[in-house]
Amino acid sequence: MPDTPAAPAGRPTPTASGALSAEDGKLVVLARGARARVGAVEGAAVRDQDGRTYAAASVALPSLTLTALQLAVASAVAAGASRLEAAVVVTEASTLDGAGHAAVRDLAADAPVHLAAPDGTVLGTVTQ
């Protein structure tokens, strides 16, 4: 049986961030919209190497559970993205989920992942 890499055990904690670029601000709007549209626990949005954006909400079914960030990354990959420039997660949590963080890092070692509150206030950024 082949070895499969495990998701990071810890939940990355964002560090304080400065003002977002206009493009990253758009990701916050998209993530908030995805979350609100279905009343999900969290929403996420990512931007790929061509500037295309993908938004998603968390999924919790009896047979499938995905974080919003995992689904946004999967949507980008399914559309042909090979690299991510930035990501945003809108949630009430104070840390970034490990599985979503790992999915972003599969496509970008240094893309910023911004964590925002449901009102759109950016709480911090994970860059590692």
C-alpha atoms as a PDB file:
ATOM      1  CA  MET A   1       0.000   0.000   0.000  1.00  0.00           C
ATOM      2  CA  PRO A   2       1.556   3.369  -0.965  1.00  0.00           C
ATOM      3  CA  ASP A   3       2.260   5.898   1.725  1.00  0.00           C
ATOM      4  CA  THR A   4      -0.113   8.842   1.717  1.00  0.00           C
ATOM      5  CA  PRO A   5       0.953  12.160   3.155  1.00  0.00           C
ATOM      6  CA  ALA A   6      -0.997  13.154   6.217  1.00  0.00           C
ATOM      7  CA  ALA A   7      -2.492  16.578   6.674  1.00  0.00           C
ATOM      8  CA  PRO A   8      -0.616  18.738   9.164  1.00  0.00           C
ATOM      9  CA  ALA A   9      -1.665  17.878  12.687  1.00  0.00           C
ATOM     10  CA  GLY A  10      -1.758  21.441  13.961  1.00  0.00           C
ATOM     11  CA  ARG A  11      -4.042  24.282  13.055  1.00  0.00           C
ATOM     12  CA  PRO A  12      -1.922  27.108  11.630  1.00  0.00           C
ATOM     13  CA  THR A  13      -2.351  30.330  13.531  1.00  0.00           C
ATOM     14  CA  PRO A  14      -2.481  33.485  11.439  1.00  0.00           C
ATOM     15  CA  THR A  15      -0.159  36.361  12.163  1.00  0.00           C
ATOM     16  CA  ALA A  16      -1.238  39.969  12.033  1.00  0.00           C
ATOM     17  CA  SER A  17      -1.579  41.267   8.519  1.00  0.00           C
ATOM     18  CA  GLY A  18      -1.607  44.678   6.925  1.00  0.00           C
ATOM     19  CA  ALA A  19      -4.154  45.949   4.451  1.00  0.00           C
ATOM     20  CA  LEU A  20      -5.171  43.513   1.737  1.00  0.00           C
ATOM     21  CA  SER A  21      -4.602  44.186  -1.935  1.00  0.00           C
ATOM     22  CA  ALA A  22      -7.726  44.891  -3.970  1.00  0.00           C
ATOM     23  CA  GLU A  23      -7.502  41.409  -5.493  1.00  0.00           C
ATOM     24  CA  ASP A  24      -7.302  39.732  -2.074  1.00  0.00           C
ATOM     25  CA  GLY A  25     -10.180  41.934  -0.902  1.00  0.00           C
ATOM     26  CA  LYS A  26     -12.278  40.449  -3.710  1.00  0.00           C
ATOM     27  CA  LEU A  27     -11.503  36.984  -2.354  1.00  0.00           C
ATOM     28  CA  VAL A  28     -12.936  38.041   1.021  1.00  0.00           C
ATOM     29  CA  VAL A  29     -16.167  39.143  -0.696  1.00  0.00           C
ATOM     30  CA  LEU A  30     -16.405  35.875  -2.636  1.00  0.00           C
ATOM     31  CA  ALA A  31     -15.747  33.743   0.459  1.00  0.00           C
ATOM     32  CA  ARG A  32     -18.329  35.654   2.505  1.00  0.00           C
ATOM     33  CA  GLY A  33     -20.870  35.193  -0.278  1.00  0.00           C
ATOM     34  CA  ALA A  34     -20.240  31.452  -0.555  1.00  0.00           C
ATOM     35  CA  ARG A  35     -20.631  31.058   3.208  1.00  0.00           C
ATOM     36  CA  ALA A  36     -23.783  33.151   3.441  1.00  0.00           C
ATOM     37  CA  ARG A  37     -25.461  31.647   0.376  1.00  0.00           C
ATOM     38  CA  VAL A  38     -25.880  28.253   2.053  1.00  0.00           C
ATOM     39  CA  GLY A  39     -25.483  29.188   5.717  1.00  0.00           C
ATOM     40  CA  ALA A  40     -22.262  27.187   5.966  1.00  0.00           C
ATOM     41  CA  VAL A  41     -19.817  27.184   8.850  1.00  0.00           C
ATOM     42  CA  GLU A  42     -17.125  28.613   6.593  1.00  0.00           C
ATOM     43  CA  GLY A  43     -16.558  29.982   3.123  1.00  0.00           C
ATOM     44  CA  ALA A  44     -13.347  30.197   1.127  1.00  0.00           C
ATOM     45  CA  ALA A  45     -12.024  31.599  -2.118  1.00  0.00           C
ATOM     46  CA  VAL A  46      -8.759  31.121  -3.995  1.00  0.00           C
ATOM     47  CA  ARG A  47      -7.099  32.850  -6.956  1.00  0.00           C
ATOM     48  CA  ASP A  48      -5.042  30.842  -9.430  1.00  0.00           C
ATOM     49  CA  GLN A  49      -1.995  31.720 -11.533  1.00  0.00           C
ATOM     50  CA  ASP A  50      -4.211  33.203 -14.267  1.00  0.00           C
ATOM     51  CA  GLY A  51      -6.238  35.385 -11.907  1.00  0.00           C
ATOM     52  CA  ARG A  52      -9.283  33.132 -12.013  1.00  0.00           C
ATOM     53  CA  THR A  53     -11.177  32.816  -8.734  1.00  0.00           C
ATOM     54  CA  TYR A  54     -12.999  29.911  -7.142  1.00  0.00           C
ATOM     55  CA  ALA A  55     -15.317  30.164  -4.142  1.00  0.00           C
ATOM     56  CA  ALA A  56     -16.779  27.394  -2.003  1.00  0.00           C
ATOM     57  CA  ALA A  57     -18.533  26.650   1.261  1.00  0.00           C
ATOM     58  CA  SER A  58     -17.846  23.824   3.672  1.00  0.00           C
ATOM     59  CA  VAL A  59     -19.612  20.525   2.967  1.00  0.00           C
ATOM     60  CA  ALA A  60     -20.845  18.190   5.695  1.00  0.00           C
ATOM     61  CA  LEU A  61     -22.651  15.110   4.405  1.00  0.00           C
ATOM     62  CA  PRO A  62     -22.846  11.674   6.016  1.00  0.00           C
ATOM     63  CA  SER A  63     -20.479  10.343   3.351  1.00  0.00           C
ATOM     64  CA  LEU A  64     -18.345  13.416   2.629  1.00  0.00           C
ATOM     65  CA  THR A  65     -16.829  16.217   4.676  1.00  0.00           C
ATOM     66  CA  LEU A  66     -14.756  18.977   3.071  1.00  0.00           C
ATOM     67  CA  THR A  67     -13.587  22.276   4.418  1.00  0.00           C
ATOM     68  CA  ALA A  68     -14.428  25.299   2.313  1.00  0.00           C
ATOM     69  CA  LEU A  69     -10.751  25.755   1.492  1.00  0.00           C
ATOM     70  CA  GLN A  70     -10.351  22.133   0.382  1.00  0.00           C
ATOM     71  CA  LEU A  71     -13.332  22.501  -1.949  1.00  0.00           C
ATOM     72  CA  ALA A  72     -12.131  25.832  -3.365  1.00  0.00           C
ATOM     73  CA  VAL A  73      -8.706  24.308  -4.091  1.00  0.00           C
ATOM     74  CA  ALA A  74     -10.300  21.208  -5.626  1.00  0.00           C
ATOM     75  CA  SER A  75     -12.459  23.411  -7.867  1.00  0.00           C
ATOM     76  CA  ALA A  76      -9.378  25.312  -9.017  1.00  0.00           C
ATOM     77  CA  VAL A  77      -7.494  22.104  -9.791  1.00  0.00           C
ATOM     78  CA  ALA A  78     -10.510  20.654 -11.614  1.00  0.00           C
ATOM     79  CA  ALA A  79     -10.537  23.777 -13.800  1.00  0.00           C
ATOM     80  CA  GLY A  80      -6.851  23.343 -14.668  1.00  0.00           C
ATOM     81  CA  ALA A  81      -5.076  25.515 -12.093  1.00  0.00           C
ATOM     82  CA  SER A  82      -1.519  24.483 -11.357  1.00  0.00           C
ATOM     83  CA  ARG A  83      -0.617  27.232  -8.879  1.00  0.00           C
ATOM     84  CA  LEU A  84      -2.424  29.464  -6.399  1.00  0.00           C
ATOM     85  CA  GLU A  85      -1.621  33.107  -5.734  1.00  0.00           C
ATOM     86  CA  ALA A  86      -3.770  33.652  -2.620  1.00  0.00           C
ATOM     87  CA  ALA A  87      -6.589  32.217  -0.528  1.00  0.00           C
ATOM     88  CA  VAL A  88      -9.135  33.467   2.001  1.00  0.00           C
ATOM     89  CA  VAL A  89     -11.164  31.595   4.599  1.00  0.00           C
ATOM     90  CA  VAL A  90     -14.143  33.240   6.288  1.00  0.00           C
ATOM     91  CA  THR A  91     -14.981  31.528   9.552  1.00  0.00           C
ATOM     92  CA  GLU A  92     -15.709  32.077  13.211  1.00  0.00           C
ATOM     93  CA  ALA A  93     -12.608  30.040  14.134  1.00  0.00           C
ATOM     94  CA  SER A  94      -9.423  31.802  15.184  1.00  0.00           C
ATOM     95  CA  THR A  95      -7.113  29.357  13.401  1.00  0.00           C
ATOM     96  CA  LEU A  96      -6.875  27.878   9.929  1.00  0.00           C
ATOM     97  CA  ASP A  97      -7.896  24.249   9.471  1.00  0.00           C
ATOM     98  CA  GLY A  98      -4.955  21.923   8.806  1.00  0.00           C
ATOM     99  CA  ALA A  99      -6.542  20.087   5.872  1.00  0.00           C
ATOM    100  CA  GLY A 100      -7.387  23.266   3.970  1.00  0.00           C
ATOM    101  CA  HIS A 101      -3.941  24.685   4.655  1.00  0.00           C
ATOM    102  CA  ALA A 102      -2.354  21.483   3.314  1.00  0.00           C
ATOM    103  CA  ALA A 103      -4.470  21.683   0.137  1.00  0.00           C
ATOM    104  CA  VAL A 104      -3.261  25.228  -0.551  1.00  0.00           C
ATOM    105  CA  ARG A 105       0.347  24.213   0.107  1.00  0.00           C
ATOM    106  CA  ASP A 106       0.011  21.398  -2.446  1.00  0.00           C
ATOM    107  CA  LEU A 107      -0.181  24.145  -5.099  1.00  0.00           C
ATOM    108  CA  ALA A 108       1.746  27.017  -3.521  1.00  0.00           C
ATOM    109  CA  ALA A 109       4.433  26.958  -0.860  1.00  0.00           C
ATOM    110  CA  ASP A 110       4.181  30.672  -0.187  1.00  0.00           C
ATOM    111  CA  ALA A 111       0.696  31.883  -1.154  1.00  0.00           C
ATOM    112  CA  PRO A 112      -0.863  33.943   1.633  1.00  0.00           C
ATOM    113  CA  VAL A 113      -3.923  32.429   3.281  1.00  0.00           C
ATOM    114  CA  HIS A 114      -5.969  35.184   4.891  1.00  0.00           C
ATOM    115  CA  LEU A 115      -8.324  34.341   7.752  1.00  0.00           C
ATOM    116  CA  ALA A 116     -11.366  36.600   8.051  1.00  0.00           C
ATOM    117  CA  ALA A 117     -14.288  36.881  10.428  1.00  0.00           C
ATOM    118  CA  PRO A 118     -17.850  36.558   9.088  1.00  0.00           C
ATOM    119  CA  ASP A 119     -18.112  40.356   8.886  1.00  0.00           C
ATOM    120  CA  GLY A 120     -15.104  40.426   6.540  1.00  0.00           C
ATOM    121  CA  THR A 121     -12.587  41.716   9.077  1.00  0.00           C
ATOM    122  CA  VAL A 122      -9.228  40.117   8.309  1.00  0.00           C
ATOM    123  CA  LEU A 123      -7.882  38.494  11.465  1.00  0.00           C
ATOM    124  CA  GLY A 124      -4.473  37.550  10.098  1.00  0.00           C
ATOM    125  CA  THR A 125      -2.510  35.765   7.416  1.00  0.00           C
ATOM    126  CA  VAL A 126      -0.703  32.432   7.235  1.00  0.00           C
ATOM    127  CA  THR A 127       2.305  32.517   4.899  1.00  0.00           C
ATOM    128  CA  GLN A 128       4.046  29.259   5.747  1.00  0.00           C
END
